[in-house]
Amino acid sequence: MDFRALAAIDKGGLVMFSLVCLTLLIVLRLVIDVAAKLIFFLVIVVRASAATITWHDAPRPRAGQ
């Protein structure tokens, strides 16, 4: 395929399309990265809060045991 003929037909359109696709890929990667970190943080917080709740609710051993 002759890309020079395609560029002559569509001046700037292909370049803009490539830039838009590249920008969307970068934004999508950033969104996925932030979402993964947020989910990881929420899992840690939920596990920590569940552990403290069960630790506080656990019966305390009596003195002498």
C-alpha atoms as a PDB file:
ATOM      1  CA  MET A   1       0.000   0.000   0.000  1.00  0.00           C
ATOM      2  CA  ASP A   2       1.306   3.399  -0.933  1.00  0.00           C
ATOM      3  CA  PHE A   3       1.082   5.634   2.106  1.00  0.00           C
ATOM      4  CA  ARG A   4       2.162   8.708   0.136  1.00  0.00           C
ATOM      5  CA  ALA A   5      -0.991   8.494  -1.978  1.00  0.00           C
ATOM      6  CA  LEU A   6      -3.085   8.103   1.181  1.00  0.00           C
ATOM      7  CA  ALA A   7      -1.371  11.110   2.776  1.00  0.00           C
ATOM      8  CA  ALA A   8      -1.968  13.151  -0.379  1.00  0.00           C
ATOM      9  CA  ILE A   9      -5.677  12.306  -0.261  1.00  0.00           C
ATOM     10  CA  ASP A  10      -6.082  12.911   3.492  1.00  0.00           C
ATOM     11  CA  LYS A  11      -3.695  15.619   4.635  1.00  0.00           C
ATOM     12  CA  GLY A  12      -3.656  15.817   8.408  1.00  0.00           C
ATOM     13  CA  GLY A  13      -6.657  13.557   8.951  1.00  0.00           C
ATOM     14  CA  LEU A  14      -4.596  10.428   9.466  1.00  0.00           C
ATOM     15  CA  VAL A  15      -2.215  12.266  11.763  1.00  0.00           C
ATOM     16  CA  MET A  16      -5.097  13.607  13.858  1.00  0.00           C
ATOM     17  CA  PHE A  17      -6.647  10.137  14.015  1.00  0.00           C
ATOM     18  CA  SER A  18      -3.337   8.683  15.215  1.00  0.00           C
ATOM     19  CA  LEU A  19      -2.935  11.405  17.847  1.00  0.00           C
ATOM     20  CA  VAL A  20      -6.479  10.909  19.121  1.00  0.00           C
ATOM     21  CA  CYS A  21      -5.994   7.144  19.359  1.00  0.00           C
ATOM     22  CA  LEU A  22      -2.678   7.587  21.159  1.00  0.00           C
ATOM     23  CA  THR A  23      -4.208  10.075  23.593  1.00  0.00           C
ATOM     24  CA  LEU A  24      -7.130   7.760  24.288  1.00  0.00           C
ATOM     25  CA  LEU A  25      -4.773   4.853  24.938  1.00  0.00           C
ATOM     26  CA  ILE A  26      -2.715   6.925  27.389  1.00  0.00           C
ATOM     27  CA  VAL A  27      -5.831   8.166  29.204  1.00  0.00           C
ATOM     28  CA  LEU A  28      -7.272   4.639  29.341  1.00  0.00           C
ATOM     29  CA  ARG A  29      -4.030   3.305  30.799  1.00  0.00           C
ATOM     30  CA  LEU A  30      -3.993   6.029  33.468  1.00  0.00           C
ATOM     31  CA  VAL A  31      -7.646   5.360  34.368  1.00  0.00           C
ATOM     32  CA  ILE A  32      -7.010   1.626  34.687  1.00  0.00           C
ATOM     33  CA  ASP A  33      -3.921   2.281  36.825  1.00  0.00           C
ATOM     34  CA  VAL A  34      -5.807   4.614  39.179  1.00  0.00           C
ATOM     35  CA  ALA A  35      -8.742   2.209  39.406  1.00  0.00           C
ATOM     36  CA  ALA A  36      -6.426  -0.698  40.248  1.00  0.00           C
ATOM     37  CA  LYS A  37      -4.714   1.303  43.004  1.00  0.00           C
ATOM     38  CA  LEU A  38      -8.072   2.424  44.395  1.00  0.00           C
ATOM     39  CA  ILE A  39      -9.423  -1.135  44.472  1.00  0.00           C
ATOM     40  CA  PHE A  40      -6.195  -2.349  46.112  1.00  0.00           C
ATOM     41  CA  PHE A  41      -6.430   0.431  48.745  1.00  0.00           C
ATOM     42  CA  LEU A  42     -10.106  -0.317  49.426  1.00  0.00           C
ATOM     43  CA  VAL A  43      -9.399  -4.042  49.852  1.00  0.00           C
ATOM     44  CA  ILE A  44      -6.652  -3.261  52.371  1.00  0.00           C
ATOM     45  CA  VAL A  45      -8.904  -0.830  54.288  1.00  0.00           C
ATOM     46  CA  VAL A  46     -11.824  -3.286  54.366  1.00  0.00           C
ATOM     47  CA  ARG A  47      -9.581  -6.116  55.545  1.00  0.00           C
ATOM     48  CA  ALA A  48      -7.975  -3.915  58.205  1.00  0.00           C
ATOM     49  CA  SER A  49     -11.338  -2.645  59.480  1.00  0.00           C
ATOM     50  CA  ALA A  50     -12.747  -6.188  59.525  1.00  0.00           C
ATOM     51  CA  ALA A  51      -9.696  -7.385  61.455  1.00  0.00           C
ATOM     52  CA  THR A  52     -10.012  -4.609  64.052  1.00  0.00           C
ATOM     53  CA  ILE A  53     -13.758  -5.204  64.441  1.00  0.00           C
ATOM     54  CA  THR A  54     -13.264  -8.917  65.062  1.00  0.00           C
ATOM     55  CA  TRP A  55     -10.351  -8.165  67.386  1.00  0.00           C
ATOM     56  CA  HIS A  56     -12.460  -5.749  69.456  1.00  0.00           C
ATOM     57  CA  ASP A  57     -15.435  -8.100  69.526  1.00  0.00           C
ATOM     58  CA  ALA A  58     -13.389 -11.110  70.594  1.00  0.00           C
ATOM     59  CA  PRO A  59     -13.915 -12.181  74.229  1.00  0.00           C
ATOM     60  CA  ARG A  60     -11.026 -11.300  76.487  1.00  0.00           C
ATOM     61  CA  PRO A  61      -9.350 -14.064  78.465  1.00  0.00           C
ATOM     62  CA  ARG A  62      -9.967 -13.941  82.193  1.00  0.00           C
ATOM     63  CA  ALA A  63      -7.142 -13.273  84.598  1.00  0.00           C
ATOM     64  CA  GLY A  64      -5.440 -16.450  85.723  1.00  0.00           C
ATOM     65  CA  GLN A  65      -6.043 -18.380  82.548  1.00  0.00           C
END
